[in-house]
C-alpha atoms as a PDB file:
ATOM      1  CA  MET A   1     174.252  15.972 328.860  1.00  0.00           C
ATOM      2  CA  LEU A   2     175.773  17.167 332.126  1.00  0.00           C
ATOM      3  CA  LYS A   3     175.195  20.827 333.012  1.00  0.00           C
ATOM      4  CA  ILE A   4     177.169  22.890 335.494  1.00  0.00           C
ATOM      5  CA  GLY A   5     175.897  26.414 336.096  1.00  0.00           C
ATOM      6  CA  GLY A   6     173.710  26.257 333.013  1.00  0.00           C
ATOM      7  CA  GLN A   7     176.669  25.326 330.777  1.00  0.00           C
ATOM      8  CA  LYS A   8     176.682  22.002 328.960  1.00  0.00           C
ATOM      9  CA  ILE A   9     179.811  19.925 329.524  1.00  0.00           C
ATOM     10  CA  PRO A  10     180.769  17.846 326.451  1.00  0.00           C
ATOM     11  CA  VAL A  11     181.506  14.146 326.804  1.00  0.00           C
ATOM     12  CA  SER A  12     185.073  14.601 325.547  1.00  0.00           C
ATOM     13  CA  THR A  13     185.808  17.085 328.336  1.00  0.00           C
ATOM     14  CA  ARG A  14     184.372  14.745 330.973  1.00  0.00           C
ATOM     15  CA  VAL A  15     186.491  11.868 329.641  1.00  0.00           C
ATOM     16  CA  LEU A  16     189.618  14.049 329.772  1.00  0.00           C
ATOM     17  CA  VAL A  17     188.941  15.204 333.341  1.00  0.00           C
ATOM     18  CA  VAL A  18     188.234  11.696 334.648  1.00  0.00           C
ATOM     19  CA  GLY A  19     191.185  10.217 332.746  1.00  0.00           C
ATOM     20  CA  ASP A  20     193.558  12.869 334.045  1.00  0.00           C
ATOM     21  CA  ALA A  21     192.338  12.348 337.606  1.00  0.00           C
ATOM     22  CA  CYS A  22     192.894   8.592 337.334  1.00  0.00           C
ATOM     23  CA  LEU A  23     196.396   9.056 335.920  1.00  0.00           C
ATOM     24  CA  ILE A  24     197.292  11.529 338.674  1.00  0.00           C
ATOM     25  CA  VAL A  25     196.111   9.113 341.398  1.00  0.00           C
ATOM     26  CA  ILE A  26     198.054   6.244 339.799  1.00  0.00           C
ATOM     27  CA  GLY A  27     201.136   8.455 339.610  1.00  0.00           C
ATOM     28  CA  LEU A  28     200.818   9.429 343.268  1.00  0.00           C
ATOM     29  CA  CYS A  29     200.486   5.781 344.308  1.00  0.00           C
ATOM     30  CA  LEU A  30     203.528   4.788 342.241  1.00  0.00           C
ATOM     31  CA  ALA A  31     205.552   7.674 343.696  1.00  0.00           C
ATOM     32  CA  ILE A  32     204.671   6.539 347.219  1.00  0.00           C
ATOM     33  CA  LEU A  33     205.639   2.958 346.361  1.00  0.00           C
ATOM     34  CA  MET A  34     208.970   4.087 344.874  1.00  0.00           C
ATOM     35  CA  ARG A  35     209.684   6.258 347.916  1.00  0.00           C
ATOM     36  CA  LEU A  36     208.973   3.590 350.509  1.00  0.00           C
ATOM     37  CA  HIS A  37     210.402   0.571 348.573  1.00  0.00           C
ATOM     38  CA  ASP A  38     207.933  -1.816 350.206  1.00  0.00           C
ATOM     39  CA  LEU A  39     204.332  -2.609 349.336  1.00  0.00           C
ATOM     40  CA  ARG A  40     203.267  -3.191 352.949  1.00  0.00           C
ATOM     41  CA  SER A  41     204.605   0.129 354.212  1.00  0.00           C
ATOM     42  CA  ALA A  42     203.153   1.915 351.161  1.00  0.00           C
ATOM     43  CA  LEU A  43     199.714   0.473 351.892  1.00  0.00           C
ATOM     44  CA  ASN A  44     200.021   1.490 355.556  1.00  0.00           C
ATOM     45  CA  TYR A  45     200.972   4.995 354.427  1.00  0.00           C
ATOM     46  CA  LEU A  46     197.973   5.138 352.069  1.00  0.00           C
ATOM     47  CA  ARG A  47     195.676   4.164 354.959  1.00  0.00           C
ATOM     48  CA  LEU A  48     196.517   7.286 356.957  1.00  0.00           C
ATOM     49  CA  PRO A  49     193.371   9.251 357.855  1.00  0.00           C
ATOM     50  CA  ASP A  50     194.397  12.433 356.037  1.00  0.00           C
ATOM     51  CA  MET A  51     195.445  10.726 352.786  1.00  0.00           C
ATOM     52  CA  PRO A  52     192.133  11.342 350.912  1.00  0.00           C
ATOM     53  CA  LEU A  53     192.456  15.040 351.763  1.00  0.00           C
ATOM     54  CA  ARG A  54     196.044  15.113 350.483  1.00  0.00           C
ATOM     55  CA  PHE A  55     195.098  13.346 347.263  1.00  0.00           C
ATOM     56  CA  GLY A  56     192.121  15.681 346.840  1.00  0.00           C
ATOM     57  CA  MET A  57     194.321  18.748 347.224  1.00  0.00           C
ATOM     58  CA  VAL A  58     196.759  17.443 344.599  1.00  0.00           C
ATOM     59  CA  LEU A  59     193.896  16.585 342.232  1.00  0.00           C
ATOM     60  CA  LEU A  60     192.370  20.029 342.689  1.00  0.00           C
ATOM     61  CA  ALA A  61     195.676  21.822 342.090  1.00  0.00           C
ATOM     62  CA  CYS A  62     196.448  19.739 338.990  1.00  0.00           C
ATOM     63  CA  GLY A  63     192.918  20.059 337.633  1.00  0.00           C
ATOM     64  CA  VAL A  64     192.877  23.830 338.039  1.00  0.00           C
ATOM     65  CA  SER A  65     196.289  24.197 336.431  1.00  0.00           C
ATOM     66  CA  LEU A  66     195.282  22.009 333.490  1.00  0.00           C
ATOM     67  CA  TYR A  67     192.039  23.958 333.088  1.00  0.00           C
ATOM     68  CA  TYR A  68     193.752  27.341 333.113  1.00  0.00           C
ATOM     69  CA  ASN A  69     196.336  26.115 330.612  1.00  0.00           C
ATOM     70  CA  ASP A  70     193.441  25.396 328.219  1.00  0.00           C
ATOM     71  CA  LEU A  71     193.765  21.623 328.136  1.00  0.00           C
ATOM     72  CA  TYR A  72     189.993  21.318 328.351  1.00  0.00           C
ATOM     73  CA  GLY A  73     189.294  24.074 325.824  1.00  0.00           C
ATOM     74  CA  SER A  74     186.625  23.865 323.154  1.00  0.00           C
ATOM     75  CA  GLY A  75     189.181  23.179 320.413  1.00  0.00           C
ATOM     76  CA  LEU A  76     188.923  19.414 320.939  1.00  0.00           C
END
């Protein structure tokens, strides 16, 4: 079992966190595609050097907000 800071992280919580992160990334990619209306320009936009940082910031903000709203609470 995975431990962070001496605390055991249940499998269900890990599945929720990874699943949410995947859905957020898919949503961001679809939003970019809808905004630019062209697959080629969307792929060029996704290849920008700062795009992983932008995606990481969005994932961090969403993950923290979901955590503090008790989505990943022990009541699962």
